[in-house]
């Protein structure tokens, strides 16, 4: 069985941040410094925001290229950051919201 785009991105980011991808529960990637939820569909971005919104660590939504604008729009004013599928930060997380 082939990996989904979501699983491929999550595994790549987990490797980059030296942690593991937890596919079965909660937030996809949790490091000592941040939490990252991977979303690959426009419709699921708000669900991803709901996953990370209560974390006390800097919060990020990681998206594939076609959803960058959607994620930027959805996280406006929330303090949640946006990163690309390679881990490049597009919008820095802050503690608003």
N, C-alpha and C. Protein backbone atom coordinates (compact mmCIF):
# COMPACT_ATOMS: atom_id res chain seq x y z
N UNK A 1 0.84 -1.19 0.00
CA UNK A 1 0.00 0.00 0.00
C UNK A 1 0.89 1.25 0.00
N UNK A 2 0.57 2.19 -0.84
CA UNK A 2 1.37 3.41 -0.91
C UNK A 2 0.94 4.40 0.17
N UNK A 3 1.90 5.22 0.58
CA UNK A 3 1.61 6.24 1.58
C UNK A 3 0.79 7.37 0.97
N UNK A 4 -0.08 7.96 1.77
CA UNK A 4 -0.84 9.11 1.32
C UNK A 4 0.09 10.33 1.28
N UNK A 5 -0.36 11.39 0.62
CA UNK A 5 0.42 12.63 0.59
C UNK A 5 0.61 13.13 2.01
N UNK A 6 -0.44 13.06 2.81
CA UNK A 6 -0.38 13.47 4.22
C UNK A 6 0.72 12.72 4.96
N UNK A 7 0.73 11.38 4.85
CA UNK A 7 1.72 10.57 5.54
C UNK A 7 3.13 10.86 5.06
N UNK A 8 3.29 11.07 3.76
CA UNK A 8 4.61 11.38 3.20
C UNK A 8 5.15 12.69 3.76
N UNK A 9 4.31 13.73 3.78
CA UNK A 9 4.72 15.03 4.32
C UNK A 9 5.03 14.91 5.81
N UNK A 10 4.15 14.26 6.55
CA UNK A 10 4.33 14.12 8.00
C UNK A 10 5.62 13.37 8.32
N UNK A 11 5.90 12.30 7.60
CA UNK A 11 7.12 11.53 7.83
C UNK A 11 8.36 12.37 7.51
N UNK A 12 8.31 13.16 6.44
CA UNK A 12 9.42 14.03 6.06
C UNK A 12 9.69 15.07 7.16
N UNK A 13 8.63 15.68 7.66
CA UNK A 13 8.79 16.70 8.69
C UNK A 13 9.28 16.09 10.01
N UNK A 14 8.77 14.93 10.35
CA UNK A 14 9.21 14.26 11.58
C UNK A 14 10.71 13.98 11.51
N UNK A 15 11.18 13.52 10.37
CA UNK A 15 12.61 13.25 10.18
C UNK A 15 13.41 14.55 10.29
N UNK A 16 12.92 15.61 9.66
CA UNK A 16 13.61 16.91 9.70
C UNK A 16 13.74 17.43 11.13
N UNK A 17 12.68 17.25 11.94
CA UNK A 17 12.68 17.77 13.31
C UNK A 17 13.08 16.73 14.35
N UNK A 18 13.67 15.61 13.88
CA UNK A 18 14.18 14.55 14.76
C UNK A 18 13.16 14.06 15.78
N UNK A 19 11.98 13.74 15.30
CA UNK A 19 10.94 13.20 16.17
C UNK A 19 10.18 12.15 15.38
N UNK A 20 9.10 11.64 15.96
CA UNK A 20 8.32 10.66 15.22
C UNK A 20 6.95 11.21 14.85
N UNK A 21 6.43 10.67 13.78
CA UNK A 21 5.10 11.03 13.29
C UNK A 21 4.11 10.08 13.95
N UNK A 22 3.16 10.67 14.67
CA UNK A 22 2.12 9.87 15.33
C UNK A 22 0.86 9.91 14.46
N UNK A 23 0.69 8.90 13.63
CA UNK A 23 -0.42 8.90 12.68
C UNK A 23 -1.75 8.54 13.32
N UNK A 24 -1.71 7.91 14.48
CA UNK A 24 -2.95 7.36 15.02
C UNK A 24 -3.68 8.24 16.03
N UNK A 25 -2.99 9.23 16.62
CA UNK A 25 -3.70 10.01 17.63
C UNK A 25 -3.17 11.43 17.75
N UNK A 26 -4.08 12.36 17.97
CA UNK A 26 -3.72 13.73 18.28
C UNK A 26 -2.94 14.45 17.19
N UNK A 27 -2.10 15.36 17.65
CA UNK A 27 -1.30 16.19 16.75
C UNK A 27 -0.26 15.32 16.05
N UNK A 28 -0.07 15.54 14.75
CA UNK A 28 0.82 14.70 13.95
C UNK A 28 2.26 14.69 14.45
N UNK A 29 2.82 15.88 14.71
CA UNK A 29 4.23 15.99 15.08
C UNK A 29 4.35 16.90 16.30
N UNK A 30 4.99 16.38 17.35
CA UNK A 30 5.22 17.15 18.56
C UNK A 30 6.71 17.11 18.86
N UNK A 31 7.33 18.30 18.92
CA UNK A 31 8.74 18.39 19.30
C UNK A 31 8.82 19.15 20.62
N UNK A 32 10.03 19.30 21.14
CA UNK A 32 10.19 20.08 22.38
C UNK A 32 9.84 21.54 22.14
N UNK A 33 9.97 22.00 20.91
CA UNK A 33 9.82 23.42 20.62
C UNK A 33 8.54 23.81 19.89
N UNK A 34 7.82 22.84 19.30
CA UNK A 34 6.64 23.20 18.49
C UNK A 34 5.74 22.00 18.27
N UNK A 35 4.51 22.30 17.83
CA UNK A 35 3.59 21.25 17.38
C UNK A 35 3.21 21.54 15.93
N UNK A 36 3.05 20.48 15.16
CA UNK A 36 2.77 20.61 13.73
C UNK A 36 1.65 19.65 13.35
N UNK A 37 0.62 20.19 12.73
CA UNK A 37 -0.46 19.36 12.19
C UNK A 37 -0.38 19.46 10.67
N UNK A 38 -0.35 18.33 10.00
CA UNK A 38 -0.24 18.30 8.54
C UNK A 38 -1.65 18.22 7.95
N UNK A 39 -1.93 19.08 6.99
CA UNK A 39 -3.21 19.06 6.27
C UNK A 39 -2.93 19.16 4.77
N UNK A 40 -3.61 18.33 4.00
CA UNK A 40 -3.39 18.33 2.55
C UNK A 40 -4.64 18.69 1.76
N UNK A 41 -5.75 18.92 2.46
CA UNK A 41 -7.00 19.29 1.79
C UNK A 41 -7.53 20.58 2.39
N UNK A 42 -8.04 21.45 1.53
CA UNK A 42 -8.59 22.73 1.98
C UNK A 42 -9.65 22.52 3.05
N UNK A 43 -10.49 21.52 2.86
CA UNK A 43 -11.62 21.26 3.77
C UNK A 43 -11.18 20.86 5.17
N UNK A 44 -9.95 20.34 5.32
CA UNK A 44 -9.51 19.86 6.63
C UNK A 44 -8.62 20.84 7.38
N UNK A 45 -8.34 22.00 6.80
CA UNK A 45 -7.47 22.98 7.47
C UNK A 45 -8.07 23.44 8.79
N UNK A 46 -9.37 23.69 8.83
CA UNK A 46 -9.98 24.15 10.08
C UNK A 46 -9.92 23.06 11.15
N UNK A 47 -10.04 21.80 10.75
CA UNK A 47 -9.90 20.69 11.70
C UNK A 47 -8.47 20.65 12.25
N UNK A 48 -7.49 20.91 11.40
CA UNK A 48 -6.09 20.95 11.83
C UNK A 48 -5.84 22.08 12.82
N UNK A 49 -6.46 23.22 12.58
CA UNK A 49 -6.35 24.35 13.50
C UNK A 49 -6.92 23.95 14.86
N UNK A 50 -8.05 23.25 14.84
CA UNK A 50 -8.67 22.77 16.07
C UNK A 50 -7.76 21.82 16.85
N UNK A 51 -6.95 21.05 16.14
CA UNK A 51 -6.02 20.12 16.79
C UNK A 51 -4.94 20.86 17.58
N UNK A 52 -4.40 21.94 17.02
CA UNK A 52 -3.23 22.59 17.64
C UNK A 52 -3.57 23.81 18.48
N UNK A 53 -4.78 24.33 18.39
CA UNK A 53 -5.12 25.62 18.99
C UNK A 53 -4.86 25.70 20.49
N UNK A 54 -5.03 24.62 21.22
CA UNK A 54 -4.86 24.67 22.67
C UNK A 54 -3.43 24.38 23.15
N UNK A 55 -2.53 24.07 22.25
CA UNK A 55 -1.16 23.78 22.65
C UNK A 55 -0.47 25.02 23.19
N UNK A 56 0.37 24.83 24.21
CA UNK A 56 1.12 25.96 24.77
C UNK A 56 2.40 26.22 23.98
N UNK A 57 2.79 25.29 23.13
CA UNK A 57 3.98 25.46 22.28
C UNK A 57 3.60 26.24 21.02
N UNK A 58 4.60 26.79 20.32
CA UNK A 58 4.30 27.40 19.02
C UNK A 58 3.59 26.37 18.13
N UNK A 59 2.51 26.81 17.48
CA UNK A 59 1.65 25.92 16.72
C UNK A 59 1.76 26.18 15.23
N UNK A 60 1.84 25.10 14.45
CA UNK A 60 1.97 25.22 13.00
C UNK A 60 1.01 24.28 12.28
N UNK A 61 0.53 24.74 11.14
CA UNK A 61 -0.17 23.89 10.19
C UNK A 61 0.79 23.75 9.00
N UNK A 62 1.12 22.51 8.65
CA UNK A 62 1.98 22.25 7.49
C UNK A 62 1.08 21.83 6.33
N UNK A 63 1.26 22.48 5.20
CA UNK A 63 0.38 22.21 4.05
C UNK A 63 1.19 22.01 2.78
N UNK A 64 0.56 21.34 1.82
CA UNK A 64 1.16 21.20 0.50
C UNK A 64 1.00 22.53 -0.24
N UNK A 65 1.75 22.67 -1.30
CA UNK A 65 1.84 23.94 -2.02
C UNK A 65 0.49 24.55 -2.41
N UNK A 66 -0.44 23.73 -2.87
CA UNK A 66 -1.72 24.27 -3.34
C UNK A 66 -2.59 24.83 -2.22
N UNK A 67 -2.25 24.50 -0.97
CA UNK A 67 -3.07 24.97 0.16
C UNK A 67 -2.41 26.07 0.99
N UNK A 68 -1.30 26.61 0.56
CA UNK A 68 -0.62 27.66 1.33
C UNK A 68 -1.53 28.87 1.53
N UNK A 69 -2.13 29.37 0.46
CA UNK A 69 -3.01 30.54 0.60
C UNK A 69 -4.20 30.22 1.50
N UNK A 70 -4.80 29.04 1.32
CA UNK A 70 -5.93 28.64 2.16
C UNK A 70 -5.54 28.61 3.63
N UNK A 71 -4.37 28.08 3.93
CA UNK A 71 -3.90 27.99 5.32
C UNK A 71 -3.60 29.38 5.87
N UNK A 72 -3.00 30.25 5.07
CA UNK A 72 -2.72 31.62 5.52
C UNK A 72 -4.03 32.34 5.84
N UNK A 73 -5.02 32.18 4.98
CA UNK A 73 -6.33 32.81 5.23
C UNK A 73 -6.98 32.25 6.49
N UNK A 74 -6.94 30.93 6.66
CA UNK A 74 -7.61 30.28 7.78
C UNK A 74 -6.95 30.59 9.12
N UNK A 75 -5.64 30.84 9.12
CA UNK A 75 -4.92 31.09 10.38
C UNK A 75 -4.79 32.57 10.70
N UNK A 76 -5.33 33.42 9.86
CA UNK A 76 -5.28 34.87 10.08
C UNK A 76 -5.77 35.23 11.48
N UNK A 77 -4.94 35.92 12.25
CA UNK A 77 -5.32 36.39 13.58
C UNK A 77 -5.36 35.33 14.67
N UNK A 78 -4.92 34.10 14.38
CA UNK A 78 -5.00 33.02 15.36
C UNK A 78 -3.69 32.81 16.13
N UNK A 79 -2.58 33.31 15.59
CA UNK A 79 -1.28 33.04 16.19
C UNK A 79 -0.69 31.72 15.73
N UNK A 80 -1.43 30.99 14.89
CA UNK A 80 -0.95 29.72 14.36
C UNK A 80 -0.13 29.99 13.11
N UNK A 81 1.06 29.40 13.06
CA UNK A 81 1.95 29.58 11.93
C UNK A 81 1.65 28.60 10.81
N UNK A 82 2.22 28.87 9.65
CA UNK A 82 2.05 28.03 8.48
C UNK A 82 3.42 27.65 7.95
N UNK A 83 3.59 26.37 7.62
CA UNK A 83 4.83 25.93 6.98
C UNK A 83 4.51 25.09 5.76
N UNK A 84 5.45 25.08 4.85
CA UNK A 84 5.30 24.28 3.65
C UNK A 84 5.59 22.82 3.93
N UNK A 85 5.41 21.99 2.93
CA UNK A 85 5.57 20.55 3.10
C UNK A 85 7.01 20.13 3.38
N UNK A 86 7.98 21.02 3.12
CA UNK A 86 9.37 20.69 3.40
C UNK A 86 9.82 21.21 4.77
N UNK A 87 8.93 21.92 5.47
CA UNK A 87 9.27 22.45 6.79
C UNK A 87 9.68 23.91 6.76
N UNK A 88 9.68 24.53 5.58
CA UNK A 88 10.01 25.95 5.49
C UNK A 88 8.87 26.78 6.08
N UNK A 89 9.21 27.64 7.03
CA UNK A 89 8.18 28.46 7.68
C UNK A 89 7.77 29.60 6.75
N UNK A 90 6.48 29.66 6.47
CA UNK A 90 5.91 30.69 5.61
C UNK A 90 5.36 31.83 6.47
N UNK A 91 4.74 31.46 7.59
CA UNK A 91 4.22 32.45 8.55
C UNK A 91 4.63 31.97 9.94
N UNK A 92 5.35 32.81 10.65
CA UNK A 92 5.83 32.49 11.99
C UNK A 92 4.66 32.39 12.97
N UNK A 93 4.72 31.42 13.88
CA UNK A 93 3.70 31.30 14.92
C UNK A 93 3.92 32.37 15.97
N UNK A 94 2.83 32.83 16.59
CA UNK A 94 2.91 33.79 17.69
C UNK A 94 1.92 33.35 18.75
N UNK A 95 1.83 34.07 19.85
CA UNK A 95 0.94 33.63 20.93
C UNK A 95 -0.39 34.35 20.95
N UNK A 96 -0.85 34.89 19.83
CA UNK A 96 -2.19 35.49 19.76
C UNK A 96 -3.23 34.38 19.78
N UNK A 97 -4.45 34.80 20.06
CA UNK A 97 -5.57 33.88 19.89
C UNK A 97 -5.82 32.94 20.98
